[in-house]
C-alpha atoms as a PDB file:
ATOM      1  CA  MET A   1       0.000   0.000   0.000  1.00  0.00           C
ATOM      2  CA  ASN A   2       1.155   3.504  -0.761  1.00  0.00           C
ATOM      3  CA  SER A   3       2.214   5.775   2.051  1.00  0.00           C
ATOM      4  CA  ILE A   4       0.686   8.790   0.289  1.00  0.00           C
ATOM      5  CA  ASN A   5      -2.455   8.450  -1.826  1.00  0.00           C
ATOM      6  CA  VAL A   6      -3.960  10.742  -4.463  1.00  0.00           C
ATOM      7  CA  ILE A   7      -7.544  10.925  -5.692  1.00  0.00           C
ATOM      8  CA  ALA A   8      -9.456  13.519  -7.724  1.00  0.00           C
ATOM      9  CA  PRO A   9     -12.940  14.053  -6.259  1.00  0.00           C
ATOM     10  CA  TYR A  10     -15.600  15.798  -8.326  1.00  0.00           C
ATOM     11  CA  LYS A  11     -19.329  16.498  -8.125  1.00  0.00           C
ATOM     12  CA  TYR A  12     -21.751  14.016  -9.690  1.00  0.00           C
ATOM     13  CA  LEU A  13     -25.504  14.461  -9.169  1.00  0.00           C
ATOM     14  CA  ASP A  14     -24.625  17.149  -6.613  1.00  0.00           C
ATOM     15  CA  MET A  15     -22.534  14.717  -4.533  1.00  0.00           C
ATOM     16  CA  TRP A  16     -18.768  14.538  -4.036  1.00  0.00           C
ATOM     17  CA  VAL A  17     -17.503  11.286  -5.573  1.00  0.00           C
ATOM     18  CA  PHE A  18     -14.198   9.881  -6.794  1.00  0.00           C
ATOM     19  CA  ASP A  19     -12.897   7.180  -9.082  1.00  0.00           C
ATOM     20  CA  ASP A  20      -9.809   5.074  -8.414  1.00  0.00           C
ATOM     21  CA  SER A  21      -9.415   2.139 -10.772  1.00  0.00           C
ATOM     22  CA  ARG A  22      -6.276   1.145  -8.863  1.00  0.00           C
ATOM     23  CA  VAL A  23      -8.473   0.003  -5.952  1.00  0.00           C
ATOM     24  CA  GLY A  24     -11.647  -0.783  -7.908  1.00  0.00           C
ATOM     25  CA  LEU A  25     -13.782   2.260  -7.087  1.00  0.00           C
ATOM     26  CA  THR A  26     -16.026   4.219  -9.455  1.00  0.00           C
ATOM     27  CA  GLN A  27     -18.116   7.215  -8.384  1.00  0.00           C
ATOM     28  CA  GLU A  28     -17.553   6.327  -4.730  1.00  0.00           C
ATOM     29  CA  PRO A  29     -19.531   8.962  -2.788  1.00  0.00           C
ATOM     30  CA  PHE A  30     -18.527  10.959   0.254  1.00  0.00           C
ATOM     31  CA  VAL A  31     -21.511  11.116   2.633  1.00  0.00           C
ATOM     32  CA  GLY A  32     -22.267  11.460   6.333  1.00  0.00           C
ATOM     33  CA  GLY A  33     -20.542  14.777   6.892  1.00  0.00           C
ATOM     34  CA  ALA A  34     -17.430  13.980   4.821  1.00  0.00           C
ATOM     35  CA  ASP A  35     -19.129  15.828   1.969  1.00  0.00           C
ATOM     36  CA  THR A  36     -19.532  18.913   4.164  1.00  0.00           C
ATOM     37  CA  LEU A  37     -15.866  18.743   5.218  1.00  0.00           C
ATOM     38  CA  ILE A  38     -14.907  18.692   1.539  1.00  0.00           C
ATOM     39  CA  ASP A  39     -17.168  21.690   0.824  1.00  0.00           C
ATOM     40  CA  GLN A  40     -15.288  23.641   3.477  1.00  0.00           C
ATOM     41  CA  ALA A  41     -11.824  22.414   2.471  1.00  0.00           C
ATOM     42  CA  VAL A  42     -12.243  23.387  -1.200  1.00  0.00           C
ATOM     43  CA  ALA A  43     -14.110  26.664  -0.679  1.00  0.00           C
ATOM     44  CA  ASP A  44     -11.165  28.616  -2.143  1.00  0.00           C
ATOM     45  CA  ILE A  45     -10.523  26.290  -5.112  1.00  0.00           C
ATOM     46  CA  PRO A  46     -12.178  27.656  -8.252  1.00  0.00           C
ATOM     47  CA  ASN A  47     -14.463  25.162  -9.992  1.00  0.00           C
ATOM     48  CA  ALA A  48     -13.641  22.426  -7.469  1.00  0.00           C
ATOM     49  CA  GLU A  49     -16.886  20.693  -8.426  1.00  0.00           C
ATOM     50  CA  LEU A  50     -15.264  19.854 -11.780  1.00  0.00           C
ATOM     51  CA  GLY A  51     -12.474  18.050  -9.923  1.00  0.00           C
ATOM     52  CA  PHE A  52      -9.611  18.792  -7.581  1.00  0.00           C
ATOM     53  CA  VAL A  53      -6.614  16.895  -6.242  1.00  0.00           C
ATOM     54  CA  MET A  54      -6.798  15.338  -2.769  1.00  0.00           C
ATOM     55  CA  VAL A  55      -3.599  13.946  -1.289  1.00  0.00           C
ATOM     56  CA  PHE A  56      -3.978  11.920   1.911  1.00  0.00           C
ATOM     57  CA  SER A  57      -1.828   9.817   4.197  1.00  0.00           C
ATOM     58  CA  LYS A  58      -1.775   8.302   7.657  1.00  0.00           C
ATOM     59  CA  VAL A  59       1.516  10.116   8.279  1.00  0.00           C
ATOM     60  CA  ALA A  60       2.134  13.842   8.202  1.00  0.00           C
ATOM     61  CA  PHE A  61       3.708  15.042   4.956  1.00  0.00           C
ATOM     62  CA  PRO A  62       5.033  18.420   3.806  1.00  0.00           C
ATOM     63  CA  GLY A  63       2.209  20.619   2.594  1.00  0.00           C
ATOM     64  CA  HIS A  64      -0.677  18.865   4.333  1.00  0.00           C
ATOM     65  CA  GLN A  65      -3.376  21.341   5.297  1.00  0.00           C
ATOM     66  CA  PHE A  66      -5.786  19.353   7.438  1.00  0.00           C
ATOM     67  CA  ARG A  67      -5.565  16.675  10.101  1.00  0.00           C
ATOM     68  CA  LEU A  68      -8.439  14.332  10.826  1.00  0.00           C
ATOM     69  CA  GLU A  69      -8.596  12.388  14.091  1.00  0.00           C
ATOM     70  CA  TRP A  70     -10.268   8.984  14.337  1.00  0.00           C
ATOM     71  CA  ARG A  71     -13.154   9.093  16.802  1.00  0.00           C
ATOM     72  CA  ARG A  72     -15.092   5.828  16.494  1.00  0.00           C
ATOM     73  CA  ALA A  73     -16.346   3.052  14.239  1.00  0.00           C
ATOM     74  CA  GLU A  74     -19.911   3.537  13.006  1.00  0.00           C
ATOM     75  CA  ASN A  75     -22.128   1.796  10.433  1.00  0.00           C
ATOM     76  CA  SER A  76     -19.305  -0.269   8.892  1.00  0.00           C
ATOM     77  CA  GLY A  77     -17.228   2.899   8.490  1.00  0.00           C
ATOM     78  CA  ASN A  78     -15.305   5.308  10.676  1.00  0.00           C
ATOM     79  CA  ILE A  79     -15.973   8.766  12.061  1.00  0.00           C
ATOM     80  CA  TYR A  80     -13.135  11.282  11.848  1.00  0.00           C
ATOM     81  CA  TYR A  81     -13.040  14.726  13.470  1.00  0.00           C
ATOM     82  CA  SER A  82     -11.578  17.876  11.925  1.00  0.00           C
ATOM     83  CA  ALA A  83     -10.460  20.487  14.444  1.00  0.00           C
ATOM     84  CA  ASP A  84      -9.999  22.881  11.503  1.00  0.00           C
ATOM     85  CA  PHE A  85     -13.750  22.816  10.855  1.00  0.00           C
ATOM     86  CA  ASP A  86     -14.922  21.589  14.278  1.00  0.00           C
ATOM     87  CA  ALA A  87     -16.931  18.891  12.538  1.00  0.00           C
ATOM     88  CA  GLU A  88     -17.065  15.138  12.051  1.00  0.00           C
ATOM     89  CA  GLY A  89     -17.314  13.155   8.849  1.00  0.00           C
ATOM     90  CA  TRP A  90     -17.967   9.482   8.140  1.00  0.00           C
ATOM     91  CA  LEU A  91     -15.570   7.583   5.918  1.00  0.00           C
ATOM     92  CA  CYS A  92     -17.037   4.431   4.412  1.00  0.00           C
ATOM     93  CA  PRO A  93     -15.383   0.998   4.262  1.00  0.00           C
ATOM     94  CA  ALA A  94     -13.606   2.103   1.051  1.00  0.00           C
ATOM     95  CA  LEU A  95     -11.043   3.619   3.440  1.00  0.00           C
ATOM     96  CA  LEU A  96      -9.750   0.077   3.908  1.00  0.00           C
ATOM     97  CA  ARG A  97      -8.829  -0.078   0.216  1.00  0.00           C
ATOM     98  CA  TYR A  98      -6.034   2.333   1.172  1.00  0.00           C
ATOM     99  CA  PHE A  99      -5.146   1.236   4.705  1.00  0.00           C
ATOM    100  CA  ASP A 100      -5.078  -2.125   6.502  1.00  0.00           C
ATOM    101  CA  ASN A 101      -6.862  -0.555   9.485  1.00  0.00           C
ATOM    102  CA  PRO A 102      -8.487   2.835  10.051  1.00  0.00           C
ATOM    103  CA  PRO A 103      -5.567   5.152  10.848  1.00  0.00           C
ATOM    104  CA  PRO A 104      -5.667   7.115  14.113  1.00  0.00           C
ATOM    105  CA  GLU A 105      -5.003  10.250  12.057  1.00  0.00           C
ATOM    106  CA  LEU A 106      -5.344  11.241   8.419  1.00  0.00           C
ATOM    107  CA  PHE A 107      -3.406  14.118   6.891  1.00  0.00           C
ATOM    108  CA  VAL A 108      -4.956  15.810   3.860  1.00  0.00           C
ATOM    109  CA  GLN A 109      -4.005  18.336   1.217  1.00  0.00           C
ATOM    110  CA  VAL A 110      -6.395  19.729  -1.392  1.00  0.00           C
ATOM    111  CA  LYS A 111      -5.380  21.675  -4.468  1.00  0.00           C
ATOM    112  CA  PRO A 112      -6.632  22.562  -7.933  1.00  0.00           C
ATOM    113  CA  LYS A 113      -6.162  20.092 -10.748  1.00  0.00           C
ATOM    114  CA  PRO A 114      -3.260  21.083 -12.978  1.00  0.00           C
END
């Protein structure tokens, strides 16, 4: 498994989704508050709904902007808390396509697509 992962979320039917053929995901939606966290994280990225770059890792990396803390397992997924936005978001079982176990922390960077 990669130490640092990259996906390119975009809006489909007014929902944040992403594709990653490397791990067998197509239009995988962000729901349960994760969508709201993304709205806040990309507020300054023009046309983010057309796609943006999200880099994430279980270890801190240069340039990360946000840190999410694991709070609890819920509904086959995991709840993470963002102190930056004082909000929680649910990450579905697709998280385990990237990590063996839910990491205690996730570090995230968002930026415009090149």
